């Protein structure tokens, strides 16, 4: 996990980075899918599959990163939490960096 921020239109955006090793492209076709889970003020808001989040496979390589921007325009302050690989299906050495929360204000 790397960052949660607002873009210039106040849409919630997430930057995800592979801070570990490489992994197989098969993980993009896994069922159930590997996904990120977004929460707003502690309430589930969205699930985004890895295959949608990273169609080019940039996250497969160490240091690879992507930015995904939601359609949601933040109109008032909120705490946004992002959980990557909630089911712990990606091979990684550090599972402690899969969750990030940020308080954002428009």
PDB file of N, CA and C in Angstrom:
ATOM      1  N   UNK A   1       0.852  -1.172   0.000  1.00  0.00           N
ATOM      2  CA  UNK A   1       0.000   0.000   0.000  1.00  0.00           C
ATOM      3  C   UNK A   1       0.888   1.222   0.000  1.00  0.00           C
ATOM      4  N   UNK A   2       0.470   2.280  -0.661  1.00  0.00           N
ATOM      5  CA  UNK A   2       1.353   3.440  -0.737  1.00  0.00           C
ATOM      6  C   UNK A   2       0.682   4.746  -0.327  1.00  0.00           C
ATOM      7  N   UNK A   3      -0.517   5.065  -0.863  1.00  0.00           N
ATOM      8  CA  UNK A   3      -1.101   6.356  -0.538  1.00  0.00           C
ATOM      9  C   UNK A   3      -2.581   6.394  -0.908  1.00  0.00           C
ATOM     10  N   UNK A   4      -3.298   7.278  -0.229  1.00  0.00           N
ATOM     11  CA  UNK A   4      -4.701   7.580  -0.524  1.00  0.00           C
ATOM     12  C   UNK A   4      -4.767   9.103  -0.596  1.00  0.00           C
ATOM     13  N   UNK A   5      -5.384   9.629  -1.656  1.00  0.00           N
ATOM     14  CA  UNK A   5      -5.403  11.081  -1.829  1.00  0.00           C
ATOM     15  C   UNK A   5      -6.600  11.483  -2.694  1.00  0.00           C
ATOM     16  N   UNK A   6      -6.797  12.774  -2.836  1.00  0.00           N
ATOM     17  CA  UNK A   6      -7.827  13.307  -3.725  1.00  0.00           C
ATOM     18  C   UNK A   6      -7.155  13.855  -4.974  1.00  0.00           C
ATOM     19  N   UNK A   7      -7.757  13.590  -6.135  1.00  0.00           N
ATOM     20  CA  UNK A   7      -7.221  14.177  -7.364  1.00  0.00           C
ATOM     21  C   UNK A   7      -7.740  15.615  -7.489  1.00  0.00           C
ATOM     22  N   UNK A   8      -7.436  16.261  -8.582  1.00  0.00           N
ATOM     23  CA  UNK A   8      -7.818  17.669  -8.760  1.00  0.00           C
ATOM     24  C   UNK A   8      -9.340  17.883  -8.826  1.00  0.00           C
ATOM     25  N   UNK A   9     -10.095  16.797  -9.074  1.00  0.00           N
ATOM     26  CA  UNK A   9     -11.563  16.908  -9.084  1.00  0.00           C
ATOM     27  C   UNK A   9     -12.179  16.444  -7.770  1.00  0.00           C
ATOM     28  N   UNK A  10     -11.354  16.200  -6.749  1.00  0.00           N
ATOM     29  CA  UNK A  10     -11.772  15.730  -5.417  1.00  0.00           C
ATOM     30  C   UNK A  10     -12.261  14.278  -5.438  1.00  0.00           C
ATOM     31  N   UNK A  11     -11.831  13.512  -6.435  1.00  0.00           N
ATOM     32  CA  UNK A  11     -12.154  12.087  -6.470  1.00  0.00           C
ATOM     33  C   UNK A  11     -11.123  11.337  -5.631  1.00  0.00           C
ATOM     34  N   UNK A  12     -11.588  10.315  -4.926  1.00  0.00           N
ATOM     35  CA  UNK A  12     -10.694   9.501  -4.108  1.00  0.00           C
ATOM     36  C   UNK A  12      -9.812   8.657  -5.031  1.00  0.00           C
ATOM     37  N   UNK A  13      -8.496   8.732  -4.793  1.00  0.00           N
ATOM     38  CA  UNK A  13      -7.524   7.981  -5.587  1.00  0.00           C
ATOM     39  C   UNK A  13      -6.628   7.179  -4.652  1.00  0.00           C
ATOM     40  N   UNK A  14      -6.137   6.060  -5.159  1.00  0.00           N
ATOM     41  CA  UNK A  14      -5.299   5.158  -4.376  1.00  0.00           C
ATOM     42  C   UNK A  14      -4.054   4.826  -5.191  1.00  0.00           C
ATOM     43  N   UNK A  15      -2.894   4.922  -4.553  1.00  0.00           N
ATOM     44  CA  UNK A  15      -1.661   4.455  -5.186  1.00  0.00           C
ATOM     45  C   UNK A  15      -1.236   3.189  -4.464  1.00  0.00           C
ATOM     46  N   UNK A  16      -1.126   2.106  -5.227  1.00  0.00           N
ATOM     47  CA  UNK A  16      -0.724   0.814  -4.695  1.00  0.00           C
ATOM     48  C   UNK A  16       0.654   0.496  -5.255  1.00  0.00           C
ATOM     49  N   UNK A  17       1.528   0.010  -4.387  1.00  0.00           N
ATOM     50  CA  UNK A  17       2.894  -0.315  -4.796  1.00  0.00           C
ATOM     51  C   UNK A  17       3.260  -1.708  -4.309  1.00  0.00           C
ATOM     52  N   UNK A  18       3.942  -2.456  -5.158  1.00  0.00           N
ATOM     53  CA  UNK A  18       4.461  -3.760  -4.767  1.00  0.00           C
ATOM     54  C   UNK A  18       5.752  -3.517  -4.005  1.00  0.00           C
ATOM     55  N   UNK A  19       5.704  -3.690  -2.697  1.00  0.00           N
ATOM     56  CA  UNK A  19       6.866  -3.460  -1.852  1.00  0.00           C
ATOM     57  C   UNK A  19       7.592  -4.770  -1.547  1.00  0.00           C
ATOM     58  N   UNK A  20       7.222  -5.829  -2.277  1.00  0.00           N
ATOM     59  CA  UNK A  20       7.846  -7.134  -2.066  1.00  0.00           C
ATOM     60  C   UNK A  20       8.424  -7.678  -3.349  1.00  0.00           C
ATOM     61  N   UNK A  21       8.262  -8.983  -3.537  1.00  0.00           N
ATOM     62  CA  UNK A  21       8.810  -9.651  -4.714  1.00  0.00           C
ATOM     63  C   UNK A  21       7.808  -9.769  -5.838  1.00  0.00           C
ATOM     64  N   UNK A  22       8.239 -10.407  -6.909  1.00  0.00           N
ATOM     65  CA  UNK A  22       7.349 -10.602  -8.054  1.00  0.00           C
ATOM     66  C   UNK A  22       6.367 -11.742  -7.767  1.00  0.00           C
ATOM     67  N   UNK A  23       5.275 -11.782  -8.544  1.00  0.00           N
ATOM     68  CA  UNK A  23       4.318 -12.874  -8.405  1.00  0.00           C
ATOM     69  C   UNK A  23       3.771 -13.258  -9.768  1.00  0.00           C
ATOM     70  N   UNK A  24       3.172 -14.428  -9.830  1.00  0.00           N
ATOM     71  CA  UNK A  24       2.696 -15.014 -11.077  1.00  0.00           C
ATOM     72  C   UNK A  24       1.525 -14.232 -11.672  1.00  0.00           C
ATOM     73  N   UNK A  25       1.450 -14.144 -12.998  1.00  0.00           N
ATOM     74  CA  UNK A  25       0.294 -13.487 -13.633  1.00  0.00           C
ATOM     75  C   UNK A  25      -1.005 -14.252 -13.394  1.00  0.00           C
ATOM     76  N   UNK A  26      -0.908 -15.511 -12.977  1.00  0.00           N
ATOM     77  CA  UNK A  26      -2.110 -16.306 -12.696  1.00  0.00           C
ATOM     78  C   UNK A  26      -2.978 -15.678 -11.612  1.00  0.00           C
ATOM     79  N   UNK A  27      -2.371 -14.896 -10.734  1.00  0.00           N
ATOM     80  CA  UNK A  27      -3.115 -14.286  -9.634  1.00  0.00           C
ATOM     81  C   UNK A  27      -4.182 -13.316 -10.157  1.00  0.00           C
ATOM     82  N   UNK A  28      -3.983 -12.788 -11.371  1.00  0.00           N
ATOM     83  CA  UNK A  28      -4.954 -11.859 -11.969  1.00  0.00           C
ATOM     84  C   UNK A  28      -6.221 -12.579 -12.427  1.00  0.00           C
ATOM     85  N   UNK A  29      -6.124 -13.894 -12.569  1.00  0.00           N
ATOM     86  CA  UNK A  29      -7.284 -14.688 -13.007  1.00  0.00           C
ATOM     87  C   UNK A  29      -7.857 -15.547 -11.882  1.00  0.00           C
ATOM     88  N   UNK A  30      -7.406 -15.331 -10.664  1.00  0.00           N
ATOM     89  CA  UNK A  30      -7.828 -16.145  -9.521  1.00  0.00           C
ATOM     90  C   UNK A  30      -9.327 -15.990  -9.257  1.00  0.00           C
ATOM     91  N   UNK A  31      -9.919 -17.052  -8.768  1.00  0.00           N
ATOM     92  CA  UNK A  31     -11.331 -17.024  -8.349  1.00  0.00           C
ATOM     93  C   UNK A  31     -11.422 -17.583  -6.943  1.00  0.00           C
ATOM     94  N   UNK A  32     -11.976 -16.859  -5.989  1.00  0.00           N
ATOM     95  CA  UNK A  32     -12.447 -15.479  -6.126  1.00  0.00           C
ATOM     96  C   UNK A  32     -11.270 -14.551  -6.390  1.00  0.00           C
ATOM     97  N   UNK A  33     -11.542 -13.399  -6.992  1.00  0.00           N
ATOM     98  CA  UNK A  33     -10.453 -12.509  -7.388  1.00  0.00           C
ATOM     99  C   UNK A  33      -9.739 -11.857  -6.199  1.00  0.00           C
ATOM    100  N   UNK A  34      -8.446 -11.607  -6.379  1.00  0.00           N
ATOM    101  CA  UNK A  34      -7.706 -10.772  -5.436  1.00  0.00           C
ATOM    102  C   UNK A  34      -8.175  -9.345  -5.693  1.00  0.00           C
ATOM    103  N   UNK A  35      -8.433  -8.600  -4.627  1.00  0.00           N
ATOM    104  CA  UNK A  35      -8.992  -7.258  -4.810  1.00  0.00           C
ATOM    105  C   UNK A  35      -8.580  -6.316  -3.698  1.00  0.00           C
ATOM    106  N   UNK A  36      -8.840  -5.033  -3.915  1.00  0.00           N
ATOM    107  CA  UNK A  36      -8.683  -4.071  -2.832  1.00  0.00           C
ATOM    108  C   UNK A  36     -10.083  -3.764  -2.301  1.00  0.00           C
ATOM    109  N   UNK A  37     -10.151  -3.519  -1.016  1.00  0.00           N
ATOM    110  CA  UNK A  37     -11.403  -3.209  -0.336  1.00  0.00           C
ATOM    111  C   UNK A  37     -11.295  -1.779   0.163  1.00  0.00           C
ATOM    112  N   UNK A  38     -12.274  -0.963  -0.182  1.00  0.00           N
ATOM    113  CA  UNK A  38     -12.301   0.427   0.263  1.00  0.00           C
ATOM    114  C   UNK A  38     -13.408   0.615   1.286  1.00  0.00           C
ATOM    115  N   UNK A  39     -13.069   1.372   2.322  1.00  0.00           N
ATOM    116  CA  UNK A  39     -14.040   1.703   3.355  1.00  0.00           C
ATOM    117  C   UNK A  39     -14.046   3.218   3.557  1.00  0.00           C
ATOM    118  N   UNK A  40     -15.216   3.754   3.851  1.00  0.00           N
ATOM    119  CA  UNK A  40     -15.349   5.176   4.144  1.00  0.00           C
ATOM    120  C   UNK A  40     -15.971   5.288   5.528  1.00  0.00           C
ATOM    121  N   UNK A  41     -15.242   5.930   6.434  1.00  0.00           N
ATOM    122  CA  UNK A  41     -15.692   6.065   7.826  1.00  0.00           C
ATOM    123  C   UNK A  41     -16.069   4.707   8.415  1.00  0.00           C
ATOM    124  N   UNK A  42     -15.281   3.695   8.093  1.00  0.00           N
ATOM    125  CA  UNK A  42     -15.480   2.359   8.649  1.00  0.00           C
ATOM    126  C   UNK A  42     -16.511   1.501   7.951  1.00  0.00           C
ATOM    127  N   UNK A  43     -17.198   2.044   6.960  1.00  0.00           N
ATOM    128  CA  UNK A  43     -18.226   1.282   6.235  1.00  0.00           C
ATOM    129  C   UNK A  43     -17.713   0.863   4.866  1.00  0.00           C
ATOM    130  N   UNK A  44     -17.971  -0.389   4.529  1.00  0.00           N
ATOM    131  CA  UNK A  44     -17.551  -0.910   3.241  1.00  0.00           C
ATOM    132  C   UNK A  44     -18.134  -0.061   2.120  1.00  0.00           C
ATOM    133  N   UNK A  45     -17.292   0.254   1.146  1.00  0.00           N
ATOM    134  CA  UNK A  45     -17.719   1.147   0.085  1.00  0.00           C
ATOM    135  C   UNK A  45     -17.551   0.495  -1.272  1.00  0.00           C
ATOM    136  N   UNK A  46     -16.425  -0.193  -1.504  1.00  0.00           N
ATOM    137  CA  UNK A  46     -16.200  -0.794  -2.819  1.00  0.00           C
ATOM    138  C   UNK A  46     -15.155  -1.891  -2.732  1.00  0.00           C
ATOM    139  N   UNK A  47     -15.241  -2.809  -3.681  1.00  0.00           N
ATOM    140  CA  UNK A  47     -14.213  -3.821  -3.917  1.00  0.00           C
ATOM    141  C   UNK A  47     -13.770  -3.651  -5.363  1.00  0.00           C
ATOM    142  N   UNK A  48     -12.457  -3.630  -5.586  1.00  0.00           N
ATOM    143  CA  UNK A  48     -11.930  -3.465  -6.937  1.00  0.00           C
ATOM    144  C   UNK A  48     -10.983  -4.641  -7.211  1.00  0.00           C
ATOM    145  N   UNK A  49     -11.320  -5.497  -8.186  1.00  0.00           N
ATOM    146  CA  UNK A  49     -10.453  -6.643  -8.499  1.00  0.00           C
ATOM    147  C   UNK A  49      -9.093  -6.197  -9.037  1.00  0.00           C
ATOM    148  N   UNK A  50      -8.069  -6.963  -8.694  1.00  0.00           N
ATOM    149  CA  UNK A  50      -6.712  -6.677  -9.152  1.00  0.00           C
ATOM    150  C   UNK A  50      -6.641  -6.599 -10.673  1.00  0.00           C
ATOM    151  N   UNK A  51      -7.384  -7.437 -11.371  1.00  0.00           N
ATOM    152  CA  UNK A  51      -7.358  -7.431 -12.840  1.00  0.00           C
ATOM    153  C   UNK A  51      -7.896  -6.115 -13.410  1.00  0.00           C
ATOM    154  N   UNK A  52      -8.827  -5.472 -12.716  1.00  0.00           N
ATOM    155  CA  UNK A  52      -9.360  -4.171 -13.138  1.00  0.00           C
ATOM    156  C   UNK A  52      -8.420  -3.048 -12.709  1.00  0.00           C
ATOM    157  N   UNK A  53      -7.879  -3.182 -11.524  1.00  0.00           N
ATOM    158  CA  UNK A  53      -6.988  -2.191 -10.936  1.00  0.00           C
ATOM    159  C   UNK A  53      -5.685  -2.069 -11.720  1.00  0.00           C
ATOM    160  N   UNK A  54      -5.177  -3.205 -12.204  1.00  0.00           N
ATOM    161  CA  UNK A  54      -3.858  -3.254 -12.831  1.00  0.00           C
ATOM    162  C   UNK A  54      -3.866  -4.117 -14.094  1.00  0.00           C
ATOM    163  N   UNK A  55      -4.590  -3.696 -15.139  1.00  0.00           N
ATOM    164  CA  UNK A  55      -4.685  -4.535 -16.342  1.00  0.00           C
ATOM    165  C   UNK A  55      -3.349  -4.755 -17.046  1.00  0.00           C
ATOM    166  N   UNK A  56      -2.388  -3.858 -16.864  1.00  0.00           N
ATOM    167  CA  UNK A  56      -1.076  -3.997 -17.511  1.00  0.00           C
ATOM    168  C   UNK A  56      -0.120  -4.883 -16.710  1.00  0.00           C
ATOM    169  N   UNK A  57      -0.486  -5.262 -15.486  1.00  0.00           N
ATOM    170  CA  UNK A  57       0.358  -6.139 -14.678  1.00  0.00           C
ATOM    171  C   UNK A  57       1.576  -5.471 -14.072  1.00  0.00           C
ATOM    172  N   UNK A  58       1.534  -4.175 -13.881  1.00  0.00           N
ATOM    173  CA  UNK A  58       2.680  -3.448 -13.320  1.00  0.00           C
ATOM    174  C   UNK A  58       3.022  -3.879 -11.896  1.00  0.00           C
ATOM    175  N   UNK A  59       2.009  -4.297 -11.126  1.00  0.00           N
ATOM    176  CA  UNK A  59       2.240  -4.670  -9.734  1.00  0.00           C
ATOM    177  C   UNK A  59       2.957  -6.010  -9.574  1.00  0.00           C
ATOM    178  N   UNK A  60       3.061  -6.756 -10.655  1.00  0.00           N
ATOM    179  CA  UNK A  60       3.725  -8.070 -10.583  1.00  0.00           C
ATOM    180  C   UNK A  60       5.200  -7.958 -10.249  1.00  0.00           C
ATOM    181  N   UNK A  61       5.828  -6.849 -10.581  1.00  0.00           N
ATOM    182  CA  UNK A  61       7.262  -6.687 -10.388  1.00  0.00           C
ATOM    183  C   UNK A  61       7.560  -5.879  -9.122  1.00  0.00           C
ATOM    184  N   UNK A  62       8.649  -6.198  -8.430  1.00  0.00           N
ATOM    185  CA  UNK A  62       9.040  -5.420  -7.250  1.00  0.00           C
ATOM    186  C   UNK A  62       9.142  -3.937  -7.598  1.00  0.00           C
ATOM    187  N   UNK A  63       8.543  -3.098  -6.773  1.00  0.00           N
ATOM    188  CA  UNK A  63       8.567  -1.658  -6.999  1.00  0.00           C
ATOM    189  C   UNK A  63       7.513  -1.163  -7.972  1.00  0.00           C
ATOM    190  N   UNK A  64       6.804  -2.066  -8.628  1.00  0.00           N
ATOM    191  CA  UNK A  64       5.754  -1.657  -9.552  1.00  0.00           C
ATOM    192  C   UNK A  64       4.634  -0.939  -8.814  1.00  0.00           C
ATOM    193  N   UNK A  65       4.070   0.084  -9.435  1.00  0.00           N
ATOM    194  CA  UNK A  65       2.983   0.806  -8.771  1.00  0.00           C
ATOM    195  C   UNK A  65       1.950   1.255  -9.795  1.00  0.00           C
ATOM    196  N   UNK A  66       0.748   1.475  -9.296  1.00  0.00           N
ATOM    197  CA  UNK A  66      -0.357   1.962 -10.122  1.00  0.00           C
ATOM    198  C   UNK A  66      -1.143   2.982  -9.308  1.00  0.00           C
ATOM    199  N   UNK A  67      -1.868   3.825 -10.010  1.00  0.00           N
ATOM    200  CA  UNK A  67      -2.814   4.735  -9.369  1.00  0.00           C
ATOM    201  C   UNK A  67      -4.182   4.421  -9.937  1.00  0.00           C
ATOM    202  N   UNK A  68      -5.125   4.187  -9.047  1.00  0.00           N
ATOM    203  CA  UNK A  68      -6.512   3.947  -9.442  1.00  0.00           C
ATOM    204  C   UNK A  68      -7.345   5.079  -8.864  1.00  0.00           C
ATOM    205  N   UNK A  69      -8.173   5.684  -9.700  1.00  0.00           N
ATOM    206  CA  UNK A  69      -9.016   6.797  -9.272  1.00  0.00           C
ATOM    207  C   UNK A  69     -10.470   6.374  -9.349  1.00  0.00           C
ATOM    208  N   UNK A  70     -11.171   6.547  -8.240  1.00  0.00           N
ATOM    209  CA  UNK A  70     -12.585   6.192  -8.173  1.00  0.00           C
ATOM    210  C   UNK A  70     -13.427   7.266  -8.855  1.00  0.00           C
ATOM    211  N   UNK A  71     -14.701   6.999  -8.982  1.00  0.00           N
ATOM    212  CA  UNK A  71     -15.644   7.988  -9.494  1.00  0.00           C
ATOM    213  C   UNK A  71     -16.236   8.827  -8.364  1.00  0.00           C
ATOM    214  N   UNK A  72     -15.906   8.465  -7.120  1.00  0.00           N
ATOM    215  CA  UNK A  72     -16.513   9.124  -5.969  1.00  0.00           C
ATOM    216  C   UNK A  72     -15.868  10.479  -5.705  1.00  0.00           C
ATOM    217  N   UNK A  73     -16.678  11.528  -5.696  1.00  0.00           N
ATOM    218  CA  UNK A  73     -16.215  12.882  -5.391  1.00  0.00           C
ATOM    219  C   UNK A  73     -16.490  13.148  -3.921  1.00  0.00           C
ATOM    220  N   UNK A  74     -15.436  13.428  -3.178  1.00  0.00           N
ATOM    221  CA  UNK A  74     -15.560  13.673  -1.744  1.00  0.00           C
ATOM    222  C   UNK A  74     -16.116  15.069  -1.508  1.00  0.00           C
ATOM    223  N   UNK A  75     -17.229  15.156  -0.815  1.00  0.00           N
ATOM    224  CA  UNK A  75     -17.882  16.437  -0.561  1.00  0.00           C
ATOM    225  C   UNK A  75     -17.726  16.912   0.886  1.00  0.00           C
ATOM    226  N   UNK A  76     -17.332  15.998   1.779  1.00  0.00           N
ATOM    227  CA  UNK A  76     -17.075  16.358   3.171  1.00  0.00           C
ATOM    228  C   UNK A  76     -15.968  15.467   3.698  1.00  0.00           C
ATOM    229  N   UNK A  77     -15.332  15.877   4.785  1.00  0.00           N
ATOM    230  CA  UNK A  77     -14.217  15.123   5.351  1.00  0.00           C
ATOM    231  C   UNK A  77     -14.639  13.688   5.668  1.00  0.00           C
ATOM    232  N   UNK A  78     -13.733  12.766   5.407  1.00  0.00           N
ATOM    233  CA  UNK A  78     -14.013  11.353   5.668  1.00  0.00           C
ATOM    234  C   UNK A  78     -12.703  10.603   5.851  1.00  0.00           C
ATOM    235  N   UNK A  79     -12.772   9.510   6.611  1.00  0.00           N
ATOM    236  CA  UNK A  79     -11.619   8.627   6.726  1.00  0.00           C
ATOM    237  C   UNK A  79     -11.777   7.528   5.686  1.00  0.00           C
ATOM    238  N   UNK A  80     -10.805   7.426   4.804  1.00  0.00           N
ATOM    239  CA  UNK A  80     -10.809   6.398   3.764  1.00  0.00           C
ATOM    240  C   UNK A  80      -9.785   5.347   4.145  1.00  0.00           C
ATOM    241  N   UNK A  81     -10.205   4.096   4.152  1.00  0.00           N
ATOM    242  CA  UNK A  81      -9.324   2.968   4.447  1.00  0.00           C
ATOM    243  C   UNK A  81      -9.268   2.075   3.226  1.00  0.00           C
ATOM    244  N   UNK A  82      -8.071   1.623   2.890  1.00  0.00           N
ATOM    245  CA  UNK A  82      -7.879   0.711   1.774  1.00  0.00           C
ATOM    246  C   UNK A  82      -7.161  -0.526   2.307  1.00  0.00           C
ATOM    247  N   UNK A  83      -7.721  -1.689   1.985  1.00  0.00           N
ATOM    248  CA  UNK A  83      -7.112  -2.958   2.359  1.00  0.00           C
ATOM    249  C   UNK A  83      -6.780  -3.697   1.070  1.00  0.00           C
ATOM    250  N   UNK A  84      -5.505  -3.992   0.877  1.00  0.00           N
ATOM    251  CA  UNK A  84      -5.051  -4.729  -0.298  1.00  0.00           C
ATOM    252  C   UNK A  84      -4.947  -6.196   0.066  1.00  0.00           C
ATOM    253  N   UNK A  85      -5.466  -7.073  -0.798  1.00  0.00           N
ATOM    254  CA  UNK A  85      -5.346  -8.518  -0.596  1.00  0.00           C
ATOM    255  C   UNK A  85      -5.873  -8.939   0.770  1.00  0.00           C
ATOM    256  N   UNK A  86      -7.128  -8.600   1.023  1.00  0.00           N
ATOM    257  CA  UNK A  86      -7.765  -8.894   2.299  1.00  0.00           C
ATOM    258  C   UNK A  86      -7.704 -10.381   2.652  1.00  0.00           C
ATOM    259  N   UNK A  87      -7.730 -11.246   1.647  1.00  0.00           N
ATOM    260  CA  UNK A  87      -7.681 -12.689   1.885  1.00  0.00           C
ATOM    261  C   UNK A  87      -6.276 -13.247   1.990  1.00  0.00           C
ATOM    262  N   UNK A  88      -5.254 -12.368   1.959  1.00  0.00           N
ATOM    263  CA  UNK A  88      -3.853 -12.785   2.064  1.00  0.00           C
ATOM    264  C   UNK A  88      -3.494 -13.874   1.062  1.00  0.00           C
ATOM    265  N   UNK A  89      -3.852 -13.659  -0.202  1.00  0.00           N
ATOM    266  CA  UNK A  89      -3.584 -14.646  -1.237  1.00  0.00           C
ATOM    267  C   UNK A  89      -2.339 -14.347  -2.045  1.00  0.00           C
ATOM    268  N   UNK A  90      -1.836 -13.114  -1.964  1.00  0.00           N
ATOM    269  CA  UNK A  90      -0.600 -12.771  -2.668  1.00  0.00           C
ATOM    270  C   UNK A  90       0.599 -13.231  -1.838  1.00  0.00           C
ATOM    271  N   UNK A  91       1.624 -13.802  -2.507  1.00  0.00           N
ATOM    272  CA  UNK A  91       2.825 -14.188  -1.767  1.00  0.00           C
ATOM    273  C   UNK A  91       3.606 -12.930  -1.382  1.00  0.00           C
ATOM    274  N   UNK A  92       3.846 -12.753  -0.097  1.00  0.00           N
ATOM    275  CA  UNK A  92       4.570 -11.572   0.365  1.00  0.00           C
ATOM    276  C   UNK A  92       5.210 -11.842   1.717  1.00  0.00           C
ATOM    277  N   UNK A  93       6.274 -11.138   1.970  1.00  0.00           N
ATOM    278  CA  UNK A  93       7.005 -11.308   3.223  1.00  0.00           C
ATOM    279  C   UNK A  93       6.406 -10.469   4.344  1.00  0.00           C
ATOM    280  N   UNK A  94       5.802  -9.320   4.002  1.00  0.00           N
ATOM    281  CA  UNK A  94       5.280  -8.411   5.017  1.00  0.00           C
ATOM    282  C   UNK A  94       3.793  -8.177   4.791  1.00  0.00           C
ATOM    283  N   UNK A  95       2.972  -8.788   5.608  1.00  0.00           N
ATOM    284  CA  UNK A  95       1.521  -8.620   5.499  1.00  0.00           C
ATOM    285  C   UNK A  95       1.040  -7.418   6.318  1.00  0.00           C
ATOM    286  N   UNK A  96       1.966  -6.729   6.983  1.00  0.00           N
ATOM    287  CA  UNK A  96       1.596  -5.603   7.841  1.00  0.00           C
ATOM    288  C   UNK A  96       1.427  -4.297   7.080  1.00  0.00           C
ATOM    289  N   UNK A  97       1.714  -4.294   5.766  1.00  0.00           N
ATOM    290  CA  UNK A  97       1.586  -3.048   5.006  1.00  0.00           C
ATOM    291  C   UNK A  97       0.431  -3.111   4.010  1.00  0.00           C
ATOM    292  N   UNK A  98      -0.563  -3.949   4.290  1.00  0.00           N
ATOM    293  CA  UNK A  98      -1.685  -4.121   3.368  1.00  0.00           C
ATOM    294  C   UNK A  98      -2.871  -3.216   3.671  1.00  0.00           C
ATOM    295  N   UNK A  99      -2.810  -2.464   4.744  1.00  0.00           N
ATOM    296  CA  UNK A  99      -3.921  -1.582   5.110  1.00  0.00           C
ATOM    297  C   UNK A  99      -3.387  -0.167   5.350  1.00  0.00           C
ATOM    298  N   UNK A 100      -4.135   0.803   4.822  1.00  0.00           N
ATOM    299  CA  UNK A 100      -3.771   2.203   5.018  1.00  0.00           C
ATOM    300  C   UNK A 100      -5.056   3.006   5.189  1.00  0.00           C
ATOM    301  N   UNK A 101      -5.052   3.938   6.134  1.00  0.00           N
ATOM    302  CA  UNK A 101      -6.192   4.827   6.347  1.00  0.00           C
ATOM    303  C   UNK A 101      -5.703   6.264   6.321  1.00  0.00           C
ATOM    304  N   UNK A 102      -6.511   7.131   5.708  1.00  0.00           N
ATOM    305  CA  UNK A 102      -6.191   8.557   5.653  1.00  0.00           C
ATOM    306  C   UNK A 102      -7.482   9.353   5.856  1.00  0.00           C
ATOM    307  N   UNK A 103      -7.364  10.444   6.585  1.00  0.00           N
ATOM    308  CA  UNK A 103      -8.476  11.384   6.724  1.00  0.00           C
ATOM    309  C   UNK A 103      -8.318  12.412   5.609  1.00  0.00           C
ATOM    310  N   UNK A 104      -9.310  12.498   4.738  1.00  0.00           N
ATOM    311  CA  UNK A 104      -9.256  13.405   3.595  1.00  0.00           C
ATOM    312  C   UNK A 104     -10.340  14.474   3.727  1.00  0.00           C
ATOM    313  N   UNK A 105     -10.015  15.660   3.282  1.00  0.00           N
ATOM    314  CA  UNK A 105     -10.979  16.767   3.275  1.00  0.00           C
ATOM    315  C   UNK A 105     -10.977  17.393   1.881  1.00  0.00           C
ATOM    316  N   UNK A 106     -12.178  17.723   1.373  1.00  0.00           N
ATOM    317  CA  UNK A 106     -12.251  18.335   0.040  1.00  0.00           C
ATOM    318  C   UNK A 106     -11.657  19.735   0.010  1.00  0.00           C
TER     319      UNK A 106
END
